[in-house]
PDB file of N, CA and C in Angstrom:
ATOM      1  N   MET A   1       0.849  -1.181   0.000  1.00  0.00           N
ATOM      2  CA  MET A   1       0.000   0.000   0.000  1.00  0.00           C
ATOM      3  C   MET A   1       0.891   1.239   0.000  1.00  0.00           C
ATOM      4  N   GLU A   2       0.612   2.155  -0.864  1.00  0.00           N
ATOM      5  CA  GLU A   2       1.325   3.426  -0.924  1.00  0.00           C
ATOM      6  C   GLU A   2       0.594   4.458  -0.073  1.00  0.00           C
ATOM      7  N   ILE A   3       1.328   5.458   0.373  1.00  0.00           N
ATOM      8  CA  ILE A   3       0.708   6.505   1.194  1.00  0.00           C
ATOM      9  C   ILE A   3      -0.391   7.213   0.406  1.00  0.00           C
ATOM     10  N   SER A   4      -0.252   7.277  -0.924  1.00  0.00           N
ATOM     11  CA  SER A   4      -1.295   7.924  -1.742  1.00  0.00           C
ATOM     12  C   SER A   4      -2.597   7.129  -1.717  1.00  0.00           C
ATOM     13  N   GLU A   5      -2.525   5.852  -1.324  1.00  0.00           N
ATOM     14  CA  GLU A   5      -3.711   5.015  -1.251  1.00  0.00           C
ATOM     15  C   GLU A   5      -4.422   5.118   0.094  1.00  0.00           C
ATOM     16  N   VAL A   6      -3.822   5.841   1.032  1.00  0.00           N
ATOM     17  CA  VAL A   6      -4.411   5.985   2.360  1.00  0.00           C
ATOM     18  C   VAL A   6      -5.580   6.949   2.258  1.00  0.00           C
ATOM     19  N   PRO A   7      -6.752   6.544   2.754  1.00  0.00           N
ATOM     20  CA  PRO A   7      -7.909   7.437   2.676  1.00  0.00           C
ATOM     21  C   PRO A   7      -7.720   8.698   3.517  1.00  0.00           C
ATOM     22  N   SER A   8      -8.324   9.786   3.069  1.00  0.00           N
ATOM     23  CA  SER A   8      -8.262  11.046   3.818  1.00  0.00           C
ATOM     24  C   SER A   8      -9.243  10.990   4.970  1.00  0.00           C
ATOM     25  N   PRO A   9      -9.106  11.744   6.025  1.00  0.00           N
ATOM     26  CA  PRO A   9      -7.969  12.628   6.266  1.00  0.00           C
ATOM     27  C   PRO A   9      -6.738  11.825   6.667  1.00  0.00           C
ATOM     28  N   ARG A  10      -5.600  12.335   6.339  1.00  0.00           N
ATOM     29  CA  ARG A  10      -4.349  11.637   6.638  1.00  0.00           C
ATOM     30  C   ARG A  10      -3.842  12.021   8.018  1.00  0.00           C
ATOM     31  N   ARG A  11      -4.604  11.666   9.003  1.00  0.00           N
ATOM     32  CA  ARG A  11      -4.198  11.855  10.400  1.00  0.00           C
ATOM     33  C   ARG A  11      -3.975  10.470  10.967  1.00  0.00           C
ATOM     34  N   PHE A  12      -2.730  10.213  11.388  1.00  0.00           N
ATOM     35  CA  PHE A  12      -2.381   8.880  11.832  1.00  0.00           C
ATOM     36  C   PHE A  12      -2.321   8.804  13.351  1.00  0.00           C
ATOM     37  N   ASN A  13      -2.692   7.635  13.869  1.00  0.00           N
ATOM     38  CA  ASN A  13      -2.570   7.361  15.292  1.00  0.00           C
ATOM     39  C   ASN A  13      -2.228   5.884  15.466  1.00  0.00           C
ATOM     40  N   LYS A  14      -2.026   5.484  16.707  1.00  0.00           N
ATOM     41  CA  LYS A  14      -1.589   4.114  16.996  1.00  0.00           C
ATOM     42  C   LYS A  14      -2.591   3.066  16.512  1.00  0.00           C
ATOM     43  N   VAL A  15      -3.859   3.418  16.448  1.00  0.00           N
ATOM     44  CA  VAL A  15      -4.896   2.462  16.046  1.00  0.00           C
ATOM     45  C   VAL A  15      -5.008   2.362  14.523  1.00  0.00           C
ATOM     46  N   ASN A  16      -5.180   3.499  13.830  1.00  0.00           N
ATOM     47  CA  ASN A  16      -5.440   3.411  12.396  1.00  0.00           C
ATOM     48  C   ASN A  16      -4.201   3.116  11.557  1.00  0.00           C
ATOM     49  N   VAL A  17      -3.026   3.266  12.124  1.00  0.00           N
ATOM     50  CA  VAL A  17      -1.807   2.988  11.364  1.00  0.00           C
ATOM     51  C   VAL A  17      -1.608   1.480  11.167  1.00  0.00           C
ATOM     52  N   ILE A  18      -2.243   0.661  11.992  1.00  0.00           N
ATOM     53  CA  ILE A  18      -2.134  -0.796  11.870  1.00  0.00           C
ATOM     54  C   ILE A  18      -2.589  -1.268  10.492  1.00  0.00           C
ATOM     55  N   GLY A  19      -3.608  -0.621   9.932  1.00  0.00           N
ATOM     56  CA  GLY A  19      -4.092  -0.982   8.599  1.00  0.00           C
ATOM     57  C   GLY A  19      -3.065  -0.759   7.505  1.00  0.00           C
ATOM     58  N   LEU A  20      -2.037   0.022   7.785  1.00  0.00           N
ATOM     59  CA  LEU A  20      -0.972   0.271   6.805  1.00  0.00           C
ATOM     60  C   LEU A  20       0.145  -0.768   6.890  1.00  0.00           C
ATOM     61  N   LYS A  21      -0.003  -1.753   7.776  1.00  0.00           N
ATOM     62  CA  LYS A  21       0.925  -2.869   7.941  1.00  0.00           C
ATOM     63  C   LYS A  21       2.376  -2.402   8.154  1.00  0.00           C
ATOM     64  N   PRO A  22       2.661  -1.768   9.294  1.00  0.00           N
ATOM     65  CA  PRO A  22       4.004  -1.253   9.566  1.00  0.00           C
ATOM     66  C   PRO A  22       5.110  -2.306   9.454  1.00  0.00           C
ATOM     67  N   SER A  23       4.794  -3.570   9.678  1.00  0.00           N
ATOM     68  CA  SER A  23       5.830  -4.611   9.588  1.00  0.00           C
ATOM     69  C   SER A  23       6.349  -4.783   8.160  1.00  0.00           C
ATOM     70  N   THR A  24       5.628  -4.246   7.177  1.00  0.00           N
ATOM     71  CA  THR A  24       6.053  -4.363   5.776  1.00  0.00           C
ATOM     72  C   THR A  24       6.774  -3.104   5.282  1.00  0.00           C
ATOM     73  N   TRP A  25       6.841  -2.063   6.098  1.00  0.00           N
ATOM     74  CA  TRP A  25       7.473  -0.808   5.686  1.00  0.00           C
ATOM     75  C   TRP A  25       8.985  -0.972   5.570  1.00  0.00           C
ATOM     76  N   PRO A  26       9.625  -0.189   4.698  1.00  0.00           N
ATOM     77  CA  PRO A  26      11.099  -0.180   4.675  1.00  0.00           C
ATOM     78  C   PRO A  26      11.628   0.270   6.041  1.00  0.00           C
ATOM     79  N   ARG A  27      12.758  -0.268   6.455  1.00  0.00           N
ATOM     80  CA  ARG A  27      13.329   0.062   7.759  1.00  0.00           C
ATOM     81  C   ARG A  27      14.500   1.025   7.577  1.00  0.00           C
ATOM     82  N   TYR A  28      14.649   1.936   8.543  1.00  0.00           N
ATOM     83  CA  TYR A  28      15.701   2.944   8.504  1.00  0.00           C
ATOM     84  C   TYR A  28      16.375   3.037   9.865  1.00  0.00           C
ATOM     85  N   GLN A  29      17.637   3.468   9.855  1.00  0.00           N
ATOM     86  CA  GLN A  29      18.352   3.802  11.081  1.00  0.00           C
ATOM     87  C   GLN A  29      18.878   5.214  10.924  1.00  0.00           C
ATOM     88  N   LYS A  30      19.056   5.886  12.056  1.00  0.00           N
ATOM     89  CA  LYS A  30      19.603   7.241  11.998  1.00  0.00           C
ATOM     90  C   LYS A  30      21.024   7.206  11.454  1.00  0.00           C
ATOM     91  N   LYS A  31      21.391   8.244  10.693  1.00  0.00           N
ATOM     92  CA  LYS A  31      22.720   8.325  10.103  1.00  0.00           C
ATOM     93  C   LYS A  31      23.756   8.874  11.065  1.00  0.00           C
ATOM     94  N   VAL A  32      23.296   9.671  12.019  1.00  0.00           N
ATOM     95  CA  VAL A  32      24.236  10.309  12.942  1.00  0.00           C
ATOM     96  C   VAL A  32      23.889   9.939  14.380  1.00  0.00           C
ATOM     97  N   PRO A  33      24.900   9.871  15.225  1.00  0.00           N
ATOM     98  CA  PRO A  33      24.628   9.612  16.644  1.00  0.00           C
ATOM     99  C   PRO A  33      23.856  10.779  17.256  1.00  0.00           C
ATOM    100  N   THR A  34      23.143  10.506  18.320  1.00  0.00           N
ATOM    101  CA  THR A  34      22.388  11.520  19.038  1.00  0.00           C
ATOM    102  C   THR A  34      23.129  11.896  20.306  1.00  0.00           C
ATOM    103  N   SER A  35      23.345  13.174  20.511  1.00  0.00           N
ATOM    104  CA  SER A  35      23.909  13.657  21.771  1.00  0.00           C
ATOM    105  C   SER A  35      22.758  13.885  22.726  1.00  0.00           C
ATOM    106  N   ALA A  36      22.924  13.436  23.979  1.00  0.00           N
ATOM    107  CA  ALA A  36      21.824  13.535  24.938  1.00  0.00           C
ATOM    108  C   ALA A  36      22.355  13.793  26.336  1.00  0.00           C
ATOM    109  N   LEU A  37      21.601  14.590  27.079  1.00  0.00           N
ATOM    110  CA  LEU A  37      21.919  14.919  28.459  1.00  0.00           C
ATOM    111  C   LEU A  37      20.725  14.549  29.314  1.00  0.00           C
ATOM    112  N   ARG A  38      20.941  13.775  30.364  1.00  0.00           N
ATOM    113  CA  ARG A  38      19.858  13.333  31.253  1.00  0.00           C
ATOM    114  C   ARG A  38      19.365  14.504  32.103  1.00  0.00           C
ATOM    115  N   VAL A  39      18.052  14.717  32.135  1.00  0.00           N
ATOM    116  CA  VAL A  39      17.436  15.756  32.962  1.00  0.00           C
ATOM    117  C   VAL A  39      16.371  15.062  33.811  1.00  0.00           C
ATOM    118  N   ILE A  40      16.526  15.106  35.134  1.00  0.00           N
ATOM    119  CA  ILE A  40      15.645  14.313  35.996  1.00  0.00           C
ATOM    120  C   ILE A  40      14.534  15.128  36.648  1.00  0.00           C
ATOM    121  N   GLU A  41      14.261  16.277  36.118  1.00  0.00           N
ATOM    122  CA  GLU A  41      13.156  17.091  36.618  1.00  0.00           C
ATOM    123  C   GLU A  41      12.419  17.667  35.421  1.00  0.00           C
ATOM    124  N   PRO A  42      11.206  18.185  35.594  1.00  0.00           N
ATOM    125  CA  PRO A  42      10.455  18.735  34.467  1.00  0.00           C
ATOM    126  C   PRO A  42      11.232  19.853  33.766  1.00  0.00           C
ATOM    127  N   PHE A  43      11.163  19.851  32.417  1.00  0.00           N
ATOM    128  CA  PHE A  43      11.837  20.889  31.646  1.00  0.00           C
ATOM    129  C   PHE A  43      11.077  21.154  30.354  1.00  0.00           C
ATOM    130  N   GLU A  44      11.333  22.314  29.756  1.00  0.00           N
ATOM    131  CA  GLU A  44      10.722  22.713  28.494  1.00  0.00           C
ATOM    132  C   GLU A  44      11.819  22.912  27.464  1.00  0.00           C
ATOM    133  N   VAL A  45      11.478  22.662  26.192  1.00  0.00           N
ATOM    134  CA  VAL A  45      12.444  22.824  25.111  1.00  0.00           C
ATOM    135  C   VAL A  45      11.763  23.540  23.955  1.00  0.00           C
ATOM    136  N   GLU A  46      12.394  24.594  23.458  1.00  0.00           N
ATOM    137  CA  GLU A  46      11.929  25.262  22.252  1.00  0.00           C
ATOM    138  C   GLU A  46      12.528  24.514  21.071  1.00  0.00           C
ATOM    139  N   THR A  47      11.727  23.643  20.460  1.00  0.00           N
ATOM    140  CA  THR A  47      12.196  22.810  19.349  1.00  0.00           C
ATOM    141  C   THR A  47      11.936  23.504  18.023  1.00  0.00           C
ATOM    142  N   SER A  48      12.377  22.882  16.943  1.00  0.00           N
ATOM    143  CA  SER A  48      12.114  23.436  15.608  1.00  0.00           C
ATOM    144  C   SER A  48      10.632  23.369  15.261  1.00  0.00           C
ATOM    145  N   GLU A  49       9.860  22.590  16.036  1.00  0.00           N
ATOM    146  CA  GLU A  49       8.426  22.443  15.769  1.00  0.00           C
ATOM    147  C   GLU A  49       7.547  23.063  16.855  1.00  0.00           C
ATOM    148  N   GLY A  50       8.154  23.810  17.769  1.00  0.00           N
ATOM    149  CA  GLY A  50       7.384  24.448  18.823  1.00  0.00           C
ATOM    150  C   GLY A  50       7.847  24.027  20.207  1.00  0.00           C
ATOM    151  N   LEU A  51       7.173  24.551  21.227  1.00  0.00           N
ATOM    152  CA  LEU A  51       7.528  24.290  22.613  1.00  0.00           C
ATOM    153  C   LEU A  51       7.030  22.917  23.054  1.00  0.00           C
ATOM    154  N   LEU A  52       7.940  22.109  23.629  1.00  0.00           N
ATOM    155  CA  LEU A  52       7.590  20.796  24.160  1.00  0.00           C
ATOM    156  C   LEU A  52       8.033  20.708  25.611  1.00  0.00           C
ATOM    157  N   THR A  53       7.305  19.943  26.400  1.00  0.00           N
ATOM    158  CA  THR A  53       7.677  19.754  27.800  1.00  0.00           C
ATOM    159  C   THR A  53       7.989  18.282  28.047  1.00  0.00           C
ATOM    160  N   CYS A  54       8.769  18.039  29.089  1.00  0.00           N
ATOM    161  CA  CYS A  54       9.136  16.675  29.464  1.00  0.00           C
ATOM    162  C   CYS A  54       9.244  16.632  30.976  1.00  0.00           C
ATOM    163  N   LYS A  55       8.650  15.624  31.606  1.00  0.00           N
ATOM    164  CA  LYS A  55       8.677  15.525  33.062  1.00  0.00           C
ATOM    165  C   LYS A  55       9.980  14.923  33.568  1.00  0.00           C
ATOM    166  N   ASP A  56      10.544  13.985  32.833  1.00  0.00           N
ATOM    167  CA  ASP A  56      11.733  13.262  33.249  1.00  0.00           C
ATOM    168  C   ASP A  56      12.298  12.596  32.009  1.00  0.00           C
ATOM    169  N   GLY A  57      13.461  13.024  31.559  1.00  0.00           N
ATOM    170  CA  GLY A  57      13.957  12.433  30.324  1.00  0.00           C
ATOM    171  C   GLY A  57      15.331  12.919  29.944  1.00  0.00           C
ATOM    172  N   TYR A  58      15.502  13.100  28.643  1.00  0.00           N
ATOM    173  CA  TYR A  58      16.785  13.496  28.078  1.00  0.00           C
ATOM    174  C   TYR A  58      16.602  14.710  27.179  1.00  0.00           C
ATOM    175  N   LEU A  59      17.559  15.603  27.235  1.00  0.00           N
ATOM    176  CA  LEU A  59      17.635  16.731  26.318  1.00  0.00           C
ATOM    177  C   LEU A  59      18.582  16.287  25.209  1.00  0.00           C
ATOM    178  N   CYS A  60      18.078  16.204  23.975  1.00  0.00           N
ATOM    179  CA  CYS A  60      18.847  15.711  22.835  1.00  0.00           C
ATOM    180  C   CYS A  60      19.053  16.826  21.813  1.00  0.00           C
ATOM    181  N   MET A  61      19.994  16.601  20.898  1.00  0.00           N
ATOM    182  CA  MET A  61      20.243  17.540  19.798  1.00  0.00           C
ATOM    183  C   MET A  61      20.038  16.801  18.488  1.00  0.00           C
ATOM    184  N   ASP A  62      19.286  17.424  17.558  1.00  0.00           N
ATOM    185  CA  ASP A  62      19.112  16.786  16.259  1.00  0.00           C
ATOM    186  C   ASP A  62      20.283  17.157  15.340  1.00  0.00           C
ATOM    187  N   ALA A  63      20.280  16.596  14.148  1.00  0.00           N
ATOM    188  CA  ALA A  63      21.396  16.787  13.212  1.00  0.00           C
ATOM    189  C   ALA A  63      21.558  18.237  12.766  1.00  0.00           C
ATOM    190  N   ARG A  64      20.506  19.048  12.891  1.00  0.00           N
ATOM    191  CA  ARG A  64      20.564  20.457  12.504  1.00  0.00           C
ATOM    192  C   ARG A  64      20.907  21.371  13.684  1.00  0.00           C
ATOM    193  N   GLY A  65      21.117  20.783  14.858  1.00  0.00           N
ATOM    194  CA  GLY A  65      21.480  21.576  16.028  1.00  0.00           C
ATOM    195  C   GLY A  65      20.311  22.026  16.873  1.00  0.00           C
ATOM    196  N   TYR A  66      19.107  21.536  16.587  1.00  0.00           N
ATOM    197  CA  TYR A  66      17.939  21.894  17.390  1.00  0.00           C
ATOM    198  C   TYR A  66      17.805  20.935  18.573  1.00  0.00           C
ATOM    199  N   PRO A  67      17.520  21.466  19.757  1.00  0.00           N
ATOM    200  CA  PRO A  67      17.288  20.593  20.903  1.00  0.00           C
ATOM    201  C   PRO A  67      15.878  20.008  20.860  1.00  0.00           C
ATOM    202  N   TYR A  68      15.723  18.834  21.449  1.00  0.00           N
ATOM    203  CA  TYR A  68      14.402  18.221  21.596  1.00  0.00           C
ATOM    204  C   TYR A  68      14.417  17.291  22.807  1.00  0.00           C
ATOM    205  N   PRO A  69      13.257  17.146  23.470  1.00  0.00           N
ATOM    206  CA  PRO A  69      13.196  16.260  24.634  1.00  0.00           C
ATOM    207  C   PRO A  69      12.771  14.852  24.242  1.00  0.00           C
ATOM    208  N   VAL A  70      13.230  13.876  25.011  1.00  0.00           N
ATOM    209  CA  VAL A  70      12.774  12.499  24.863  1.00  0.00           C
ATOM    210  C   VAL A  70      12.511  11.976  26.274  1.00  0.00           C
ATOM    211  N   ALA A  71      11.302  11.482  26.522  1.00  0.00           N
ATOM    212  CA  ALA A  71      10.959  10.934  27.829  1.00  0.00           C
ATOM    213  C   ALA A  71      11.877   9.751  28.140  1.00  0.00           C
ATOM    214  N   LYS A  72      12.192   9.559  29.411  1.00  0.00           N
ATOM    215  CA  LYS A  72      13.138   8.526  29.823  1.00  0.00           C
ATOM    216  C   LYS A  72      12.740   7.141  29.316  1.00  0.00           C
ATOM    217  N   GLY A  73      11.479   6.768  29.461  1.00  0.00           N
ATOM    218  CA  GLY A  73      11.038   5.450  29.006  1.00  0.00           C
ATOM    219  C   GLY A  73      11.246   5.248  27.519  1.00  0.00           C
ATOM    220  N   GLU A  74      10.922   6.261  26.735  1.00  0.00           N
ATOM    221  CA  GLU A  74      11.107   6.202  25.282  1.00  0.00           C
ATOM    222  C   GLU A  74      12.594   6.143  24.938  1.00  0.00           C
ATOM    223  N   PHE A  75      13.383   6.963  25.623  1.00  0.00           N
ATOM    224  CA  PHE A  75      14.827   6.988  25.383  1.00  0.00           C
ATOM    225  C   PHE A  75      15.436   5.620  25.657  1.00  0.00           C
ATOM    226  N   ASP A  76      15.071   5.030  26.800  1.00  0.00           N
ATOM    227  CA  ASP A  76      15.605   3.720  27.172  1.00  0.00           C
ATOM    228  C   ASP A  76      15.209   2.643  26.167  1.00  0.00           C
ATOM    229  N   LEU A  77      14.057   2.813  25.524  1.00  0.00           N
ATOM    230  CA  LEU A  77      13.576   1.850  24.552  1.00  0.00           C
ATOM    231  C   LEU A  77      14.331   1.922  23.228  1.00  0.00           C
ATOM    232  N   ILE A  78      14.688   3.135  22.777  1.00  0.00           N
ATOM    233  CA  ILE A  78      15.225   3.267  21.415  1.00  0.00           C
ATOM    234  C   ILE A  78      16.688   3.659  21.313  1.00  0.00           C
ATOM    235  N   TYR A  79      17.313   4.084  22.398  1.00  0.00           N
ATOM    236  CA  TYR A  79      18.710   4.499  22.338  1.00  0.00           C
ATOM    237  C   TYR A  79      19.585   3.604  23.201  1.00  0.00           C
ATOM    238  N   LYS A  80      20.852   3.507  22.843  1.00  0.00           N
ATOM    239  CA  LYS A  80      21.849   2.879  23.697  1.00  0.00           C
ATOM    240  C   LYS A  80      23.132   3.687  23.556  1.00  0.00           C
ATOM    241  N   SER A  81      23.966   3.623  24.574  1.00  0.00           N
ATOM    242  CA  SER A  81      25.211   4.375  24.562  1.00  0.00           C
ATOM    243  C   SER A  81      26.138   3.830  23.487  1.00  0.00           C
ATOM    244  N   GLU A  82      26.910   4.728  22.859  1.00  0.00           N
ATOM    245  CA  GLU A  82      27.923   4.270  21.912  1.00  0.00           C
ATOM    246  C   GLU A  82      28.958   3.417  22.634  1.00  0.00           C
ATOM    247  N   ARG A  83      29.159   3.732  23.904  1.00  0.00           N
ATOM    248  CA  ARG A  83      30.057   2.935  24.748  1.00  0.00           C
ATOM    249  C   ARG A  83      29.157   2.029  25.578  1.00  0.00           C
ATOM    250  N   GLU A  84      28.801   0.885  25.010  1.00  0.00           N
ATOM    251  CA  GLU A  84      27.786   0.009  25.582  1.00  0.00           C
ATOM    252  C   GLU A  84      28.041  -0.346  27.041  1.00  0.00           C
ATOM    253  N   ASP A  85      29.308  -0.484  27.427  1.00  0.00           N
ATOM    254  CA  ASP A  85      29.624  -0.874  28.795  1.00  0.00           C
ATOM    255  C   ASP A  85      29.567   0.306  29.760  1.00  0.00           C
ATOM    256  N   GLU A  86      29.514   1.519  29.218  1.00  0.00           N
ATOM    257  CA  GLU A  86      29.538   2.704  30.063  1.00  0.00           C
ATOM    258  C   GLU A  86      28.129   3.054  30.516  1.00  0.00           C
ATOM    259  N   VAL A  87      27.943   3.139  31.797  1.00  0.00           N
ATOM    260  CA  VAL A  87      26.668   3.571  32.353  1.00  0.00           C
ATOM    261  C   VAL A  87      26.952   4.817  33.172  1.00  0.00           C
ATOM    262  N   SER A  88      26.288   5.899  32.839  1.00  0.00           N
ATOM    263  CA  SER A  88      26.501   7.151  33.549  1.00  0.00           C
ATOM    264  C   SER A  88      26.124   7.017  35.014  1.00  0.00           C
ATOM    265  N   ILE A  89      26.958   7.550  35.877  1.00  0.00           N
ATOM    266  CA  ILE A  89      26.642   7.540  37.305  1.00  0.00           C
ATOM    267  C   ILE A  89      25.354   8.314  37.560  1.00  0.00           C
ATOM    268  N   PHE A  90      25.049   9.304  36.701  1.00  0.00           N
ATOM    269  CA  PHE A  90      23.833  10.087  36.877  1.00  0.00           C
ATOM    270  C   PHE A  90      22.586   9.270  36.555  1.00  0.00           C
ATOM    271  N   ASP A  91      22.713   8.227  35.723  1.00  0.00           N
ATOM    272  CA  ASP A  91      21.576   7.350  35.470  1.00  0.00           C
ATOM    273  C   ASP A  91      21.297   6.447  36.663  1.00  0.00           C
ATOM    274  N   ARG A  92      22.257   6.355  37.585  1.00  0.00           N
ATOM    275  CA  ARG A  92      22.091   5.501  38.760  1.00  0.00           C
ATOM    276  C   ARG A  92      21.495   6.248  39.941  1.00  0.00           C
ATOM    277  N   VAL A  93      21.444   7.545  39.871  1.00  0.00           N
ATOM    278  CA  VAL A  93      20.874   8.312  40.969  1.00  0.00           C
ATOM    279  C   VAL A  93      19.552   8.907  40.521  1.00  0.00           C
ATOM    280  N   GLN A  94      18.635   9.093  41.448  1.00  0.00           N
ATOM    281  CA  GLN A  94      17.278   9.455  41.087  1.00  0.00           C
ATOM    282  C   GLN A  94      16.903  10.905  41.355  1.00  0.00           C
ATOM    283  N   THR A  95      17.737  11.659  42.066  1.00  0.00           N
ATOM    284  CA  THR A  95      17.349  13.027  42.397  1.00  0.00           C
ATOM    285  C   THR A  95      18.469  14.000  42.089  1.00  0.00           C
ATOM    286  N   LEU A  96      18.095  15.253  41.911  1.00  0.00           N
ATOM    287  CA  LEU A  96      19.074  16.304  41.700  1.00  0.00           C
ATOM    288  C   LEU A  96      19.999  16.416  42.905  1.00  0.00           C
ATOM    289  N   GLU A  97      19.455  16.235  44.106  1.00  0.00           N
ATOM    290  CA  GLU A  97      20.278  16.292  45.310  1.00  0.00           C
ATOM    291  C   GLU A  97      21.344  15.205  45.285  1.00  0.00           C
ATOM    292  N   ALA A  98      20.986  14.026  44.807  1.00  0.00           N
ATOM    293  CA  ALA A  98      21.951  12.925  44.721  1.00  0.00           C
ATOM    294  C   ALA A  98      23.036  13.254  43.695  1.00  0.00           C
ATOM    295  N   GLN A  99      22.661  13.902  42.583  1.00  0.00           N
ATOM    296  CA  GLN A  99      23.662  14.288  41.589  1.00  0.00           C
ATOM    297  C   GLN A  99      24.622  15.321  42.175  1.00  0.00           C
ATOM    298  N   VAL A 100      24.083  16.283  42.946  1.00  0.00           N
ATOM    299  CA  VAL A 100      24.938  17.286  43.596  1.00  0.00           C
ATOM    300  C   VAL A 100      25.885  16.589  44.561  1.00  0.00           C
ATOM    301  N   PHE A 101      25.385  15.628  45.310  1.00  0.00           N
ATOM    302  CA  PHE A 101      26.218  14.878  46.249  1.00  0.00           C
ATOM    303  C   PHE A 101      27.356  14.172  45.508  1.00  0.00           C
ATOM    304  N   VAL A 102      27.032  13.548  44.362  1.00  0.00           N
ATOM    305  CA  VAL A 102      28.062  12.850  43.586  1.00  0.00           C
ATOM    306  C   VAL A 102      29.113  13.832  43.097  1.00  0.00           C
ATOM    307  N   LEU A 103      28.677  14.990  42.559  1.00  0.00           N
ATOM    308  CA  LEU A 103      29.641  15.992  42.097  1.00  0.00           C
ATOM    309  C   LEU A 103      30.524  16.484  43.233  1.00  0.00           C
ATOM    310  N   GLN A 104      29.928  16.738  44.384  1.00  0.00           N
ATOM    311  CA  GLN A 104      30.720  17.191  45.526  1.00  0.00           C
ATOM    312  C   GLN A 104      31.680  16.106  45.982  1.00  0.00           C
ATOM    313  N   SER A 105      31.268  14.858  45.906  1.00  0.00           N
ATOM    314  CA  SER A 105      32.143  13.751  46.291  1.00  0.00           C
ATOM    315  C   SER A 105      33.332  13.640  45.346  1.00  0.00           C
ATOM    316  N   LEU A 106      33.086  13.902  44.064  1.00  0.00           N
ATOM    317  CA  LEU A 106      34.146  13.774  43.065  1.00  0.00           C
ATOM    318  C   LEU A 106      35.042  15.005  42.981  1.00  0.00           C
ATOM    319  N   HIS A 107      34.471  16.190  43.214  1.00  0.00           N
ATOM    320  CA  HIS A 107      35.189  17.431  42.946  1.00  0.00           C
ATOM    321  C   HIS A 107      35.294  18.365  44.144  1.00  0.00           C
ATOM    322  N   GLY A 108      34.911  17.931  45.314  1.00  0.00           N
ATOM    323  CA  GLY A 108      34.973  18.781  46.501  1.00  0.00           C
ATOM    324  C   GLY A 108      33.699  19.583  46.663  1.00  0.00           C
ATOM    325  N   PRO A 109      33.585  20.326  47.782  1.00  0.00           N
ATOM    326  CA  PRO A 109      32.350  21.061  48.099  1.00  0.00           C
ATOM    327  C   PRO A 109      31.914  22.053  47.028  1.00  0.00           C
ATOM    328  N   GLY A 110      32.845  22.590  46.240  1.00  0.00           N
ATOM    329  CA  GLY A 110      32.469  23.555  45.183  1.00  0.00           C
ATOM    330  C   GLY A 110      32.002  22.894  43.921  1.00  0.00           C
ATOM    331  N   GLY A 111      32.014  21.554  43.880  1.00  0.00           N
ATOM    332  CA  GLY A 111      31.612  20.854  42.666  1.00  0.00           C
ATOM    333  C   GLY A 111      32.514  21.240  41.518  1.00  0.00           C
ATOM    334  N   LEU A 112      31.945  21.524  40.375  1.00  0.00           N
ATOM    335  CA  LEU A 112      32.733  21.920  39.220  1.00  0.00           C
ATOM    336  C   LEU A 112      32.883  23.428  39.101  1.00  0.00           C
ATOM    337  N   THR A 113      32.295  24.176  40.027  1.00  0.00           N
ATOM    338  CA  THR A 113      32.321  25.639  39.918  1.00  0.00           C
ATOM    339  C   THR A 113      33.559  26.266  40.524  1.00  0.00           C
ATOM    340  N   ASN A 114      34.402  25.475  41.206  1.00  0.00           N
ATOM    341  CA  ASN A 114      35.555  26.074  41.860  1.00  0.00           C
ATOM    342  C   ASN A 114      36.761  26.220  40.948  1.00  0.00           C
ATOM    343  N   GLY A 115      36.595  25.899  39.639  1.00  0.00           N
ATOM    344  CA  GLY A 115      37.634  26.125  38.666  1.00  0.00           C
ATOM    345  C   GLY A 115      38.746  25.096  38.669  1.00  0.00           C
ATOM    346  N   LYS A 116      38.610  24.036  39.429  1.00  0.00           N
ATOM    347  CA  LYS A 116      39.654  22.999  39.467  1.00  0.00           C
ATOM    348  C   LYS A 116      39.317  21.863  38.554  1.00  0.00           C
TER     349      LYS A 116
END
């Protein structure tokens, strides 16, 4: 089935897309790696398509340099580290306070702001 054969209106959702047989679609992978920073509290991102919010997830950059959010569950489902054995210590802690504690433990009471 070609997209031109899809009846109008062409608004897709999880239910009606099944009729298009996604298992038969050509498969693609991203050409470039995704840079991502873990954010464990609610945040907003001005993306190329408008303002998006995320309660707990990752701040990513697309190939054109635009930031976009990805919820943690979605990120964990579709991304993996280029260094497969490397697990960020920040992924092991659940709160901003715990991240501050880790930074202070590694870099002293000033964290990374003391210029050392």
